[in-house]
Amino acid sequence: MKWTKKHGIRIKYQLQRQRRTYLPDITVEYHDGRKFLEEVKGKIWNGLEFLFKNSAALRYCQAKRMTFRVLFKADLTRVD
């Protein structure tokens, strides 16, 4: 498996007539060829923005044959 924060992916979307750009947190690629675009969230501050960003990310991933995942920090286990 390999992952990176330096993927260069910029996803355009529009929210309330304003054009925006979403920069996903990381990409992950497994040895079997599966590719994931992942967003790590601590808290959802703006539900509408969260919905529009995720919708744009899902469309992007479908076009690129990737899977989009939102990971919540509360659900992650820290390894020291």
N, C-alpha and C. Protein backbone atom coordinates (compact mmCIF):
# COMPACT_ATOMS: atom_id res chain seq x y z
N MET A 1 0.84 -1.18 0.00
CA MET A 1 0.00 0.00 0.00
C MET A 1 0.89 1.25 0.00
N LYS A 2 0.43 2.26 -0.70
CA LYS A 2 1.12 3.54 -0.65
C LYS A 2 0.07 4.64 -0.54
N TRP A 3 0.45 5.73 0.10
CA TRP A 3 -0.47 6.85 0.26
C TRP A 3 0.32 8.15 0.16
N THR A 4 -0.40 9.23 -0.14
CA THR A 4 0.26 10.52 -0.24
C THR A 4 -0.72 11.65 0.04
N LYS A 5 -0.18 12.72 0.56
CA LYS A 5 -0.94 13.97 0.70
C LYS A 5 -0.65 14.89 -0.48
N LYS A 6 0.41 14.57 -1.24
CA LYS A 6 0.85 15.39 -2.36
C LYS A 6 0.36 14.80 -3.68
N HIS A 7 -0.95 14.70 -3.82
CA HIS A 7 -1.55 14.06 -4.99
C HIS A 7 -1.90 15.04 -6.10
N GLY A 8 -2.02 16.31 -5.79
CA GLY A 8 -2.33 17.32 -6.80
C GLY A 8 -3.77 17.34 -7.27
N ILE A 9 -4.65 16.61 -6.61
CA ILE A 9 -6.05 16.56 -7.02
C ILE A 9 -6.78 17.80 -6.51
N ARG A 10 -7.46 18.46 -7.44
CA ARG A 10 -8.26 19.65 -7.13
C ARG A 10 -9.61 19.43 -7.77
N ILE A 11 -10.65 19.38 -6.95
CA ILE A 11 -11.99 19.08 -7.44
C ILE A 11 -12.84 20.35 -7.39
N LYS A 12 -13.33 20.76 -8.54
CA LYS A 12 -14.17 21.96 -8.63
C LYS A 12 -15.60 21.61 -8.26
N TYR A 13 -16.25 22.52 -7.53
CA TYR A 13 -17.67 22.38 -7.24
C TYR A 13 -18.25 23.77 -7.02
N GLN A 14 -19.55 23.83 -6.98
CA GLN A 14 -20.22 25.12 -6.82
C GLN A 14 -21.17 25.04 -5.63
N LEU A 15 -21.15 26.07 -4.80
CA LEU A 15 -22.01 26.16 -3.64
C LEU A 15 -22.59 27.56 -3.57
N GLN A 16 -23.90 27.65 -3.62
CA GLN A 16 -24.59 28.93 -3.57
C GLN A 16 -24.03 29.93 -4.57
N ARG A 17 -23.96 29.48 -5.82
CA ARG A 17 -23.49 30.29 -6.95
C ARG A 17 -22.02 30.71 -6.87
N GLN A 18 -21.30 30.13 -5.97
CA GLN A 18 -19.88 30.46 -5.83
C GLN A 18 -19.04 29.23 -6.21
N ARG A 19 -18.09 29.44 -7.09
CA ARG A 19 -17.18 28.36 -7.49
C ARG A 19 -16.14 28.14 -6.40
N ARG A 20 -15.92 26.88 -6.11
CA ARG A 20 -14.97 26.52 -5.06
C ARG A 20 -14.09 25.37 -5.53
N THR A 21 -13.02 25.14 -4.80
CA THR A 21 -12.12 24.04 -5.09
C THR A 21 -11.91 23.22 -3.82
N TYR A 22 -12.08 21.94 -3.96
CA TYR A 22 -11.91 21.00 -2.85
C TYR A 22 -10.58 20.28 -3.02
N LEU A 23 -9.76 20.28 -1.99
CA LEU A 23 -8.47 19.59 -1.98
C LEU A 23 -8.56 18.43 -1.00
N PRO A 24 -8.74 17.21 -1.50
CA PRO A 24 -8.87 16.06 -0.60
C PRO A 24 -7.60 15.84 0.23
N ASP A 25 -7.77 15.18 1.38
CA ASP A 25 -6.65 15.00 2.30
C ASP A 25 -5.59 14.03 1.77
N ILE A 26 -5.99 12.82 1.40
CA ILE A 26 -4.99 11.83 0.97
C ILE A 26 -5.54 10.92 -0.13
N THR A 27 -4.61 10.31 -0.86
CA THR A 27 -4.95 9.21 -1.75
C THR A 27 -4.23 7.97 -1.24
N VAL A 28 -4.88 6.84 -1.42
CA VAL A 28 -4.32 5.55 -1.00
C VAL A 28 -4.44 4.59 -2.17
N GLU A 29 -3.35 3.86 -2.45
CA GLU A 29 -3.39 2.85 -3.50
C GLU A 29 -2.87 1.54 -2.93
N TYR A 30 -3.68 0.50 -3.08
CA TYR A 30 -3.30 -0.83 -2.60
C TYR A 30 -2.58 -1.60 -3.69
N HIS A 31 -1.85 -2.63 -3.30
CA HIS A 31 -1.07 -3.43 -4.25
C HIS A 31 -1.95 -4.10 -5.29
N ASP A 32 -3.21 -4.34 -4.96
CA ASP A 32 -4.11 -5.00 -5.92
C ASP A 32 -4.73 -4.01 -6.91
N GLY A 33 -4.34 -2.73 -6.83
CA GLY A 33 -4.80 -1.73 -7.79
C GLY A 33 -5.96 -0.86 -7.32
N ARG A 34 -6.56 -1.18 -6.18
CA ARG A 34 -7.65 -0.35 -5.67
C ARG A 34 -7.11 1.02 -5.27
N LYS A 35 -7.87 2.07 -5.61
CA LYS A 35 -7.46 3.44 -5.31
C LYS A 35 -8.57 4.14 -4.53
N PHE A 36 -8.15 4.88 -3.51
CA PHE A 36 -9.09 5.59 -2.64
C PHE A 36 -8.70 7.05 -2.53
N LEU A 37 -9.70 7.88 -2.50
CA LEU A 37 -9.55 9.30 -2.19
C LEU A 37 -10.19 9.46 -0.83
N GLU A 38 -9.43 10.00 0.14
CA GLU A 38 -9.92 10.02 1.51
C GLU A 38 -9.89 11.41 2.12
N GLU A 39 -10.93 11.68 2.88
CA GLU A 39 -11.06 12.93 3.63
C GLU A 39 -11.15 12.56 5.10
N VAL A 40 -10.32 13.17 5.93
CA VAL A 40 -10.34 12.93 7.37
C VAL A 40 -11.01 14.13 8.03
N LYS A 41 -12.09 13.87 8.78
CA LYS A 41 -12.86 14.94 9.40
C LYS A 41 -12.82 14.81 10.92
N GLY A 42 -12.63 15.95 11.55
CA GLY A 42 -12.76 16.01 13.00
C GLY A 42 -14.20 16.33 13.36
N LYS A 43 -14.76 17.29 12.66
CA LYS A 43 -16.12 17.73 12.90
C LYS A 43 -16.67 18.34 11.62
N ILE A 44 -17.95 18.21 11.41
CA ILE A 44 -18.60 18.84 10.26
C ILE A 44 -19.10 20.20 10.69
N TRP A 45 -18.46 21.25 10.20
CA TRP A 45 -18.81 22.62 10.58
C TRP A 45 -19.96 23.17 9.76
N ASN A 46 -20.00 22.78 8.49
CA ASN A 46 -21.02 23.29 7.58
C ASN A 46 -21.58 22.11 6.80
N GLY A 47 -22.78 21.67 7.17
CA GLY A 47 -23.37 20.48 6.56
C GLY A 47 -23.60 20.62 5.07
N LEU A 48 -24.03 21.79 4.60
CA LEU A 48 -24.28 22.00 3.18
C LEU A 48 -22.98 21.91 2.38
N GLU A 49 -21.93 22.56 2.87
CA GLU A 49 -20.63 22.50 2.20
C GLU A 49 -20.12 21.06 2.19
N PHE A 50 -20.25 20.36 3.28
CA PHE A 50 -19.83 18.95 3.39
C PHE A 50 -20.55 18.11 2.32
N LEU A 51 -21.84 18.32 2.16
CA LEU A 51 -22.63 17.59 1.17
C LEU A 51 -22.16 17.88 -0.25
N PHE A 52 -21.95 19.14 -0.58
CA PHE A 52 -21.55 19.50 -1.94
C PHE A 52 -20.13 19.03 -2.27
N LYS A 53 -19.22 19.15 -1.30
CA LYS A 53 -17.84 18.66 -1.52
C LYS A 53 -17.84 17.16 -1.73
N ASN A 54 -18.59 16.44 -0.89
CA ASN A 54 -18.63 14.98 -1.02
C ASN A 54 -19.26 14.55 -2.33
N SER A 55 -20.30 15.23 -2.76
CA SER A 55 -20.94 14.91 -4.04
C SER A 55 -19.97 15.10 -5.20
N ALA A 56 -19.22 16.19 -5.17
CA ALA A 56 -18.22 16.44 -6.21
C ALA A 56 -17.12 15.38 -6.17
N ALA A 57 -16.69 15.01 -4.98
CA ALA A 57 -15.65 13.98 -4.84
C ALA A 57 -16.14 12.62 -5.34
N LEU A 58 -17.39 12.29 -5.06
CA LEU A 58 -17.95 11.02 -5.55
C LEU A 58 -17.99 10.99 -7.07
N ARG A 59 -18.42 12.08 -7.69
CA ARG A 59 -18.44 12.14 -9.16
C ARG A 59 -17.03 12.00 -9.73
N TYR A 60 -16.08 12.69 -9.12
CA TYR A 60 -14.68 12.62 -9.56
C TYR A 60 -14.19 11.17 -9.47
N CYS A 61 -14.44 10.54 -8.34
CA CYS A 61 -13.96 9.17 -8.13
C CYS A 61 -14.61 8.18 -9.08
N GLN A 62 -15.89 8.35 -9.36
CA GLN A 62 -16.55 7.46 -10.31
C GLN A 62 -15.91 7.57 -11.69
N ALA A 63 -15.59 8.79 -12.09
CA ALA A 63 -14.95 9.01 -13.40
C ALA A 63 -13.55 8.42 -13.46
N LYS A 64 -12.85 8.38 -12.32
CA LYS A 64 -11.47 7.90 -12.26
C LYS A 64 -11.35 6.47 -11.76
N ARG A 65 -12.51 5.82 -11.54
CA ARG A 65 -12.54 4.45 -11.01
C ARG A 65 -11.82 4.34 -9.67
N MET A 66 -12.16 5.27 -8.80
CA MET A 66 -11.62 5.31 -7.45
C MET A 66 -12.79 5.21 -6.47
N THR A 67 -12.47 5.04 -5.21
CA THR A 67 -13.47 5.02 -4.15
C THR A 67 -13.23 6.22 -3.24
N PHE A 68 -14.30 6.91 -2.89
CA PHE A 68 -14.20 8.05 -1.98
C PHE A 68 -14.63 7.61 -0.59
N ARG A 69 -13.83 7.98 0.41
CA ARG A 69 -14.16 7.64 1.80
C ARG A 69 -13.97 8.87 2.68
N VAL A 70 -14.90 9.04 3.61
CA VAL A 70 -14.77 10.06 4.65
C VAL A 70 -14.48 9.31 5.94
N LEU A 71 -13.36 9.64 6.56
CA LEU A 71 -12.96 9.01 7.82
C LEU A 71 -13.09 10.04 8.93
N PHE A 72 -13.78 9.66 9.99
CA PHE A 72 -13.94 10.56 11.12
C PHE A 72 -12.91 10.23 12.19
N LYS A 73 -12.22 11.26 12.68
CA LYS A 73 -11.16 11.05 13.66
C LYS A 73 -11.62 10.25 14.86
N ALA A 74 -12.87 10.43 15.28
CA ALA A 74 -13.39 9.70 16.44
C ALA A 74 -13.44 8.19 16.19
N ASP A 75 -13.48 7.78 14.92
CA ASP A 75 -13.55 6.37 14.58
C ASP A 75 -12.18 5.75 14.31
N LEU A 76 -11.13 6.56 14.29
CA LEU A 76 -9.79 6.07 13.98
C LEU A 76 -9.05 5.70 15.26
N THR A 77 -8.19 4.71 15.15
CA THR A 77 -7.38 4.28 16.29
C THR A 77 -5.96 4.80 16.10
N ARG A 78 -5.42 5.41 17.13
CA ARG A 78 -4.06 5.91 17.06
C ARG A 78 -3.09 4.78 17.42
N VAL A 79 -2.03 4.68 16.62
CA VAL A 79 -0.98 3.69 16.86
C VAL A 79 0.29 4.44 17.22
N ASP A 80 0.82 4.18 18.38
CA ASP A 80 2.05 4.85 18.81
C ASP A 80 3.26 3.98 18.59
